[in-house]
């Protein structure tokens, strides 16, 4: 049996547009687990972020912001 890696599609609003980066950044600052859920879907990153957020607001926020920006080029 082959294990498939699950990657959720980004959450889309009613009219089909993806959630904007600004909204996700604001969510990451206010409530990091929701920002991770919107960005990566339900999975290990979401559960890890909940644990980090319970340990403190800053670790959860840093993790959420890192997840949102890890695939972007530096330039």
PDB file of N, CA and C in Angstrom:
ATOM      1  N   UNK A   1       0.843  -1.172   0.000  1.00  0.00           N
ATOM      2  CA  UNK A   1       0.000   0.000   0.000  1.00  0.00           C
ATOM      3  C   UNK A   1       0.896   1.244   0.000  1.00  0.00           C
ATOM      4  N   UNK A   2       0.581   2.203  -0.823  1.00  0.00           N
ATOM      5  CA  UNK A   2       1.348   3.427  -0.940  1.00  0.00           C
ATOM      6  C   UNK A   2       0.691   4.508  -0.094  1.00  0.00           C
ATOM      7  N   UNK A   3       1.494   5.131   0.745  1.00  0.00           N
ATOM      8  CA  UNK A   3       0.976   6.223   1.574  1.00  0.00           C
ATOM      9  C   UNK A   3       1.018   7.509   0.768  1.00  0.00           C
ATOM     10  N   UNK A   4      -0.075   8.223   0.755  1.00  0.00           N
ATOM     11  CA  UNK A   4      -0.150   9.490   0.032  1.00  0.00           C
ATOM     12  C   UNK A   4      -0.070  10.633   1.023  1.00  0.00           C
ATOM     13  N   UNK A   5       0.680  11.641   0.662  1.00  0.00           N
ATOM     14  CA  UNK A   5       0.801  12.820   1.499  1.00  0.00           C
ATOM     15  C   UNK A   5      -0.380  13.738   1.204  1.00  0.00           C
ATOM     16  N   UNK A   6      -1.076  14.138   2.256  1.00  0.00           N
ATOM     17  CA  UNK A   6      -2.265  14.969   2.102  1.00  0.00           C
ATOM     18  C   UNK A   6      -1.888  16.424   2.284  1.00  0.00           C
ATOM     19  N   UNK A   7      -2.230  17.242   1.327  1.00  0.00           N
ATOM     20  CA  UNK A   7      -2.028  18.676   1.453  1.00  0.00           C
ATOM     21  C   UNK A   7      -3.342  19.339   1.082  1.00  0.00           C
ATOM     22  N   UNK A   8      -3.902  20.039   2.026  1.00  0.00           N
ATOM     23  CA  UNK A   8      -5.206  20.661   1.818  1.00  0.00           C
ATOM     24  C   UNK A   8      -5.074  21.884   0.920  1.00  0.00           C
ATOM     25  N   UNK A   9      -6.115  22.142   0.196  1.00  0.00           N
ATOM     26  CA  UNK A   9      -6.185  23.352  -0.607  1.00  0.00           C
ATOM     27  C   UNK A   9      -6.438  24.538   0.324  1.00  0.00           C
ATOM     28  N   UNK A  10      -5.969  25.742  -0.052  1.00  0.00           N
ATOM     29  CA  UNK A  10      -6.246  26.906   0.782  1.00  0.00           C
ATOM     30  C   UNK A  10      -7.744  27.158   0.892  1.00  0.00           C
ATOM     31  N   UNK A  11      -8.165  27.655   2.022  1.00  0.00           N
ATOM     32  CA  UNK A  11      -9.572  27.967   2.229  1.00  0.00           C
ATOM     33  C   UNK A  11     -10.008  29.043   1.243  1.00  0.00           C
ATOM     34  N   UNK A  12     -11.147  28.836   0.632  1.00  0.00           N
ATOM     35  CA  UNK A  12     -11.655  29.811  -0.330  1.00  0.00           C
ATOM     36  C   UNK A  12     -12.954  30.412   0.187  1.00  0.00           C
ATOM     37  N   UNK A  13     -13.106  31.683  -0.076  1.00  0.00           N
ATOM     38  CA  UNK A  13     -14.313  32.368   0.330  1.00  0.00           C
ATOM     39  C   UNK A  13     -15.459  31.944  -0.573  1.00  0.00           C
ATOM     40  N   UNK A  14     -16.650  32.421  -0.295  1.00  0.00           N
ATOM     41  CA  UNK A  14     -17.849  32.015  -1.015  1.00  0.00           C
ATOM     42  C   UNK A  14     -17.713  32.252  -2.515  1.00  0.00           C
ATOM     43  N   UNK A  15     -17.118  33.354  -2.922  1.00  0.00           N
ATOM     44  CA  UNK A  15     -17.035  33.676  -4.341  1.00  0.00           C
ATOM     45  C   UNK A  15     -15.808  33.074  -5.007  1.00  0.00           C
ATOM     46  N   UNK A  16     -15.038  32.226  -4.309  1.00  0.00           N
ATOM     47  CA  UNK A  16     -13.981  31.465  -4.945  1.00  0.00           C
ATOM     48  C   UNK A  16     -12.586  32.058  -4.862  1.00  0.00           C
ATOM     49  N   UNK A  17     -12.440  33.243  -4.321  1.00  0.00           N
ATOM     50  CA  UNK A  17     -11.121  33.850  -4.205  1.00  0.00           C
ATOM     51  C   UNK A  17     -10.416  33.327  -2.966  1.00  0.00           C
ATOM     52  N   UNK A  18      -9.099  33.093  -3.039  1.00  0.00           N
ATOM     53  CA  UNK A  18      -8.384  32.646  -1.845  1.00  0.00           C
ATOM     54  C   UNK A  18      -8.346  33.738  -0.779  1.00  0.00           C
ATOM     55  N   UNK A  19      -8.185  33.320   0.457  1.00  0.00           N
ATOM     56  CA  UNK A  19      -8.106  34.284   1.558  1.00  0.00           C
ATOM     57  C   UNK A  19      -6.845  35.114   1.360  1.00  0.00           C
ATOM     58  N   UNK A  20      -6.967  36.429   1.453  1.00  0.00           N
ATOM     59  CA  UNK A  20      -5.836  37.302   1.173  1.00  0.00           C
ATOM     60  C   UNK A  20      -4.740  37.142   2.221  1.00  0.00           C
ATOM     61  N   UNK A  21      -3.538  37.501   1.829  1.00  0.00           N
ATOM     62  CA  UNK A  21      -2.383  37.415   2.727  1.00  0.00           C
ATOM     63  C   UNK A  21      -2.560  38.319   3.942  1.00  0.00           C
ATOM     64  N   UNK A  22      -3.146  39.484   3.743  1.00  0.00           N
ATOM     65  CA  UNK A  22      -3.347  40.410   4.856  1.00  0.00           C
ATOM     66  C   UNK A  22      -4.255  39.806   5.916  1.00  0.00           C
ATOM     67  N   UNK A  23      -5.328  39.158   5.487  1.00  0.00           N
ATOM     68  CA  UNK A  23      -6.246  38.525   6.443  1.00  0.00           C
ATOM     69  C   UNK A  23      -5.533  37.410   7.189  1.00  0.00           C
ATOM     70  N   UNK A  24      -4.729  36.602   6.471  1.00  0.00           N
ATOM     71  CA  UNK A  24      -4.010  35.519   7.134  1.00  0.00           C
ATOM     72  C   UNK A  24      -2.971  36.046   8.115  1.00  0.00           C
ATOM     73  N   UNK A  25      -2.296  37.141   7.788  1.00  0.00           N
ATOM     74  CA  UNK A  25      -1.318  37.731   8.705  1.00  0.00           C
ATOM     75  C   UNK A  25      -2.019  38.247   9.955  1.00  0.00           C
ATOM     76  N   UNK A  26      -3.152  38.908   9.780  1.00  0.00           N
ATOM     77  CA  UNK A  26      -3.909  39.388  10.942  1.00  0.00           C
ATOM     78  C   UNK A  26      -4.395  38.222  11.793  1.00  0.00           C
ATOM     79  N   UNK A  27      -4.854  37.151  11.151  1.00  0.00           N
ATOM     80  CA  UNK A  27      -5.260  35.961  11.895  1.00  0.00           C
ATOM     81  C   UNK A  27      -4.076  35.354  12.641  1.00  0.00           C
ATOM     82  N   UNK A  28      -2.894  35.355  12.011  1.00  0.00           N
ATOM     83  CA  UNK A  28      -1.705  34.793  12.657  1.00  0.00           C
ATOM     84  C   UNK A  28      -1.331  35.578  13.900  1.00  0.00           C
ATOM     85  N   UNK A  29      -1.583  36.854  13.896  1.00  0.00           N
ATOM     86  CA  UNK A  29      -1.260  37.683  15.063  1.00  0.00           C
ATOM     87  C   UNK A  29      -2.311  37.510  16.148  1.00  0.00           C
ATOM     88  N   UNK A  30      -3.581  37.477  15.775  1.00  0.00           N
ATOM     89  CA  UNK A  30      -4.665  37.411  16.750  1.00  0.00           C
ATOM     90  C   UNK A  30      -4.915  35.985  17.233  1.00  0.00           C
ATOM     91  N   UNK A  31      -5.022  35.040  16.296  1.00  0.00           N
ATOM     92  CA  UNK A  31      -5.350  33.654  16.647  1.00  0.00           C
ATOM     93  C   UNK A  31      -4.605  32.715  15.700  1.00  0.00           C
ATOM     94  N   UNK A  32      -3.355  32.396  16.010  1.00  0.00           N
ATOM     95  CA  UNK A  32      -2.486  31.647  15.107  1.00  0.00           C
ATOM     96  C   UNK A  32      -3.038  30.304  14.605  1.00  0.00           C
ATOM     97  N   UNK A  33      -3.700  29.474  15.428  1.00  0.00           N
ATOM     98  CA  UNK A  33      -4.175  28.196  14.884  1.00  0.00           C
ATOM     99  C   UNK A  33      -5.151  28.340  13.714  1.00  0.00           C
ATOM    100  N   UNK A  34      -5.993  29.362  13.730  1.00  0.00           N
ATOM    101  CA  UNK A  34      -6.922  29.564  12.619  1.00  0.00           C
ATOM    102  C   UNK A  34      -6.159  29.942  11.349  1.00  0.00           C
ATOM    103  N   UNK A  35      -5.117  30.762  11.482  1.00  0.00           N
ATOM    104  CA  UNK A  35      -4.301  31.129  10.321  1.00  0.00           C
ATOM    105  C   UNK A  35      -3.619  29.900   9.729  1.00  0.00           C
ATOM    106  N   UNK A  36      -3.140  29.003  10.581  1.00  0.00           N
ATOM    107  CA  UNK A  36      -2.504  27.772  10.097  1.00  0.00           C
ATOM    108  C   UNK A  36      -3.543  26.870   9.438  1.00  0.00           C
ATOM    109  N   UNK A  37      -4.717  26.777   9.998  1.00  0.00           N
ATOM    110  CA  UNK A  37      -5.784  25.964   9.416  1.00  0.00           C
ATOM    111  C   UNK A  37      -6.160  26.478   8.033  1.00  0.00           C
ATOM    112  N   UNK A  38      -6.245  27.788   7.879  1.00  0.00           N
ATOM    113  CA  UNK A  38      -6.591  28.388   6.587  1.00  0.00           C
ATOM    114  C   UNK A  38      -5.455  28.175   5.585  1.00  0.00           C
ATOM    115  N   UNK A  39      -4.205  28.213   6.053  1.00  0.00           N
ATOM    116  CA  UNK A  39      -3.050  28.115   5.163  1.00  0.00           C
ATOM    117  C   UNK A  39      -2.746  26.683   4.754  1.00  0.00           C
ATOM    118  N   UNK A  40      -2.708  25.749   5.700  1.00  0.00           N
ATOM    119  CA  UNK A  40      -2.254  24.390   5.402  1.00  0.00           C
ATOM    120  C   UNK A  40      -3.350  23.338   5.517  1.00  0.00           C
ATOM    121  N   UNK A  41      -4.468  23.674   6.114  1.00  0.00           N
ATOM    122  CA  UNK A  41      -5.512  22.678   6.332  1.00  0.00           C
ATOM    123  C   UNK A  41      -5.261  21.915   7.625  1.00  0.00           C
ATOM    124  N   UNK A  42      -6.130  20.940   7.898  1.00  0.00           N
ATOM    125  CA  UNK A  42      -6.009  20.160   9.127  1.00  0.00           C
ATOM    126  C   UNK A  42      -4.909  19.124   8.945  1.00  0.00           C
ATOM    127  N   UNK A  43      -3.936  19.148   9.837  1.00  0.00           N
ATOM    128  CA  UNK A  43      -2.817  18.211   9.748  1.00  0.00           C
ATOM    129  C   UNK A  43      -1.853  18.427  10.893  1.00  0.00           C
ATOM    130  N   UNK A  44      -0.644  17.920  10.712  1.00  0.00           N
ATOM    131  CA  UNK A  44       0.355  17.975  11.773  1.00  0.00           C
ATOM    132  C   UNK A  44       0.767  19.416  12.085  1.00  0.00           C
ATOM    133  N   UNK A  45       0.838  20.276  11.075  1.00  0.00           N
ATOM    134  CA  UNK A  45       1.218  21.673  11.322  1.00  0.00           C
ATOM    135  C   UNK A  45       0.163  22.385  12.157  1.00  0.00           C
ATOM    136  N   UNK A  46      -1.092  22.073  11.907  1.00  0.00           N
ATOM    137  CA  UNK A  46      -2.172  22.672  12.685  1.00  0.00           C
ATOM    138  C   UNK A  46      -2.103  22.220  14.142  1.00  0.00           C
ATOM    139  N   UNK A  47      -1.911  20.911  14.346  1.00  0.00           N
ATOM    140  CA  UNK A  47      -1.817  20.393  15.716  1.00  0.00           C
ATOM    141  C   UNK A  47      -0.580  20.922  16.436  1.00  0.00           C
ATOM    142  N   UNK A  48       0.539  21.008  15.714  1.00  0.00           N
ATOM    143  CA  UNK A  48       1.756  21.579  16.301  1.00  0.00           C
ATOM    144  C   UNK A  48       1.538  23.031  16.698  1.00  0.00           C
ATOM    145  N   UNK A  49       0.839  23.772  15.865  1.00  0.00           N
ATOM    146  CA  UNK A  49       0.590  25.170  16.182  1.00  0.00           C
ATOM    147  C   UNK A  49      -0.296  25.323  17.407  1.00  0.00           C
ATOM    148  N   UNK A  50      -1.266  24.447  17.580  1.00  0.00           N
ATOM    149  CA  UNK A  50      -2.102  24.501  18.782  1.00  0.00           C
ATOM    150  C   UNK A  50      -1.259  24.276  20.024  1.00  0.00           C
ATOM    151  N   UNK A  51      -0.351  23.298  19.968  1.00  0.00           N
ATOM    152  CA  UNK A  51       0.537  23.035  21.114  1.00  0.00           C
ATOM    153  C   UNK A  51       1.426  24.245  21.382  1.00  0.00           C
ATOM    154  N   UNK A  52       2.015  24.815  20.327  1.00  0.00           N
ATOM    155  CA  UNK A  52       2.868  25.992  20.507  1.00  0.00           C
ATOM    156  C   UNK A  52       2.073  27.177  21.052  1.00  0.00           C
ATOM    157  N   UNK A  53       0.840  27.328  20.584  1.00  0.00           N
ATOM    158  CA  UNK A  53       0.009  28.446  21.040  1.00  0.00           C
ATOM    159  C   UNK A  53      -0.379  28.283  22.503  1.00  0.00           C
ATOM    160  N   UNK A  54      -0.616  27.039  22.930  1.00  0.00           N
ATOM    161  CA  UNK A  54      -0.924  26.793  24.341  1.00  0.00           C
ATOM    162  C   UNK A  54       0.291  27.114  25.211  1.00  0.00           C
ATOM    163  N   UNK A  55       1.489  26.803  24.691  1.00  0.00           N
ATOM    164  CA  UNK A  55       2.710  27.113  25.441  1.00  0.00           C
ATOM    165  C   UNK A  55       2.974  28.611  25.530  1.00  0.00           C
ATOM    166  N   UNK A  56       2.470  29.348  24.588  1.00  0.00           N
ATOM    167  CA  UNK A  56       2.639  30.799  24.604  1.00  0.00           C
ATOM    168  C   UNK A  56       2.181  31.404  23.295  1.00  0.00           C
ATOM    169  N   UNK A  57       1.769  32.648  23.360  1.00  0.00           N
ATOM    170  CA  UNK A  57       1.261  33.325  22.166  1.00  0.00           C
ATOM    171  C   UNK A  57       2.362  33.509  21.128  1.00  0.00           C
ATOM    172  N   UNK A  58       3.558  33.886  21.557  1.00  0.00           N
ATOM    173  CA  UNK A  58       4.639  34.181  20.617  1.00  0.00           C
ATOM    174  C   UNK A  58       5.080  32.962  19.809  1.00  0.00           C
ATOM    175  N   UNK A  59       5.313  31.793  20.406  1.00  0.00           N
ATOM    176  CA  UNK A  59       5.708  30.641  19.578  1.00  0.00           C
ATOM    177  C   UNK A  59       4.656  30.264  18.531  1.00  0.00           C
ATOM    178  N   UNK A  60       3.393  30.333  18.884  1.00  0.00           N
ATOM    179  CA  UNK A  60       2.340  30.024  17.927  1.00  0.00           C
ATOM    180  C   UNK A  60       2.290  31.034  16.798  1.00  0.00           C
ATOM    181  N   UNK A  61       2.492  32.291  17.113  1.00  0.00           N
ATOM    182  CA  UNK A  61       2.477  33.349  16.109  1.00  0.00           C
ATOM    183  C   UNK A  61       3.660  33.220  15.155  1.00  0.00           C
ATOM    184  N   UNK A  62       4.841  32.984  15.702  1.00  0.00           N
ATOM    185  CA  UNK A  62       6.039  32.833  14.860  1.00  0.00           C
ATOM    186  C   UNK A  62       5.877  31.628  13.936  1.00  0.00           C
ATOM    187  N   UNK A  63       5.377  30.533  14.457  1.00  0.00           N
ATOM    188  CA  UNK A  63       5.169  29.338  13.635  1.00  0.00           C
ATOM    189  C   UNK A  63       4.162  29.606  12.522  1.00  0.00           C
ATOM    190  N   UNK A  64       3.072  30.281  12.833  1.00  0.00           N
ATOM    191  CA  UNK A  64       2.052  30.584  11.819  1.00  0.00           C
ATOM    192  C   UNK A  64       2.619  31.490  10.725  1.00  0.00           C
ATOM    193  N   UNK A  65       3.351  32.516  11.120  1.00  0.00           N
ATOM    194  CA  UNK A  65       3.937  33.425  10.125  1.00  0.00           C
ATOM    195  C   UNK A  65       4.983  32.704   9.288  1.00  0.00           C
ATOM    196  N   UNK A  66       5.766  31.819   9.902  1.00  0.00           N
ATOM    197  CA  UNK A  66       6.766  31.055   9.160  1.00  0.00           C
ATOM    198  C   UNK A  66       6.093  30.151   8.123  1.00  0.00           C
ATOM    199  N   UNK A  67       5.005  29.491   8.513  1.00  0.00           N
ATOM    200  CA  UNK A  67       4.304  28.615   7.578  1.00  0.00           C
ATOM    201  C   UNK A  67       3.770  29.381   6.374  1.00  0.00           C
ATOM    202  N   UNK A  68       3.307  30.585   6.608  1.00  0.00           N
ATOM    203  CA  UNK A  68       2.741  31.367   5.515  1.00  0.00           C
ATOM    204  C   UNK A  68       3.815  31.866   4.557  1.00  0.00           C
ATOM    205  N   UNK A  69       5.038  32.056   5.048  1.00  0.00           N
ATOM    206  CA  UNK A  69       6.075  32.685   4.232  1.00  0.00           C
ATOM    207  C   UNK A  69       7.200  31.751   3.851  1.00  0.00           C
ATOM    208  N   UNK A  70       7.149  30.465   4.189  1.00  0.00           N
ATOM    209  CA  UNK A  70       8.273  29.574   3.934  1.00  0.00           C
ATOM    210  C   UNK A  70       8.492  29.270   2.452  1.00  0.00           C
ATOM    211  N   UNK A  71       7.465  29.378   1.633  1.00  0.00           N
ATOM    212  CA  UNK A  71       7.606  29.070   0.210  1.00  0.00           C
ATOM    213  C   UNK A  71       7.866  30.304  -0.654  1.00  0.00           C
ATOM    214  N   UNK A  72       7.868  31.460  -0.051  1.00  0.00           N
ATOM    215  CA  UNK A  72       8.083  32.687  -0.819  1.00  0.00           C
ATOM    216  C   UNK A  72       9.578  32.916  -1.026  1.00  0.00           C
ATOM    217  N   UNK A  73       9.956  33.427  -2.201  1.00  0.00           N
ATOM    218  CA  UNK A  73      11.374  33.738  -2.443  1.00  0.00           C
ATOM    219  C   UNK A  73      11.817  34.930  -1.584  1.00  0.00           C
ATOM    220  N   UNK A  74      13.089  34.983  -1.270  1.00  0.00           N
ATOM    221  CA  UNK A  74      13.610  36.060  -0.431  1.00  0.00           C
ATOM    222  C   UNK A  74      13.695  37.386  -1.173  1.00  0.00           C
ATOM    223  N   UNK A  75      13.763  37.365  -2.466  1.00  0.00           N
ATOM    224  CA  UNK A  75      13.916  38.597  -3.246  1.00  0.00           C
ATOM    225  C   UNK A  75      12.601  39.068  -3.760  1.00  0.00           C
TER     226      UNK A  75
END
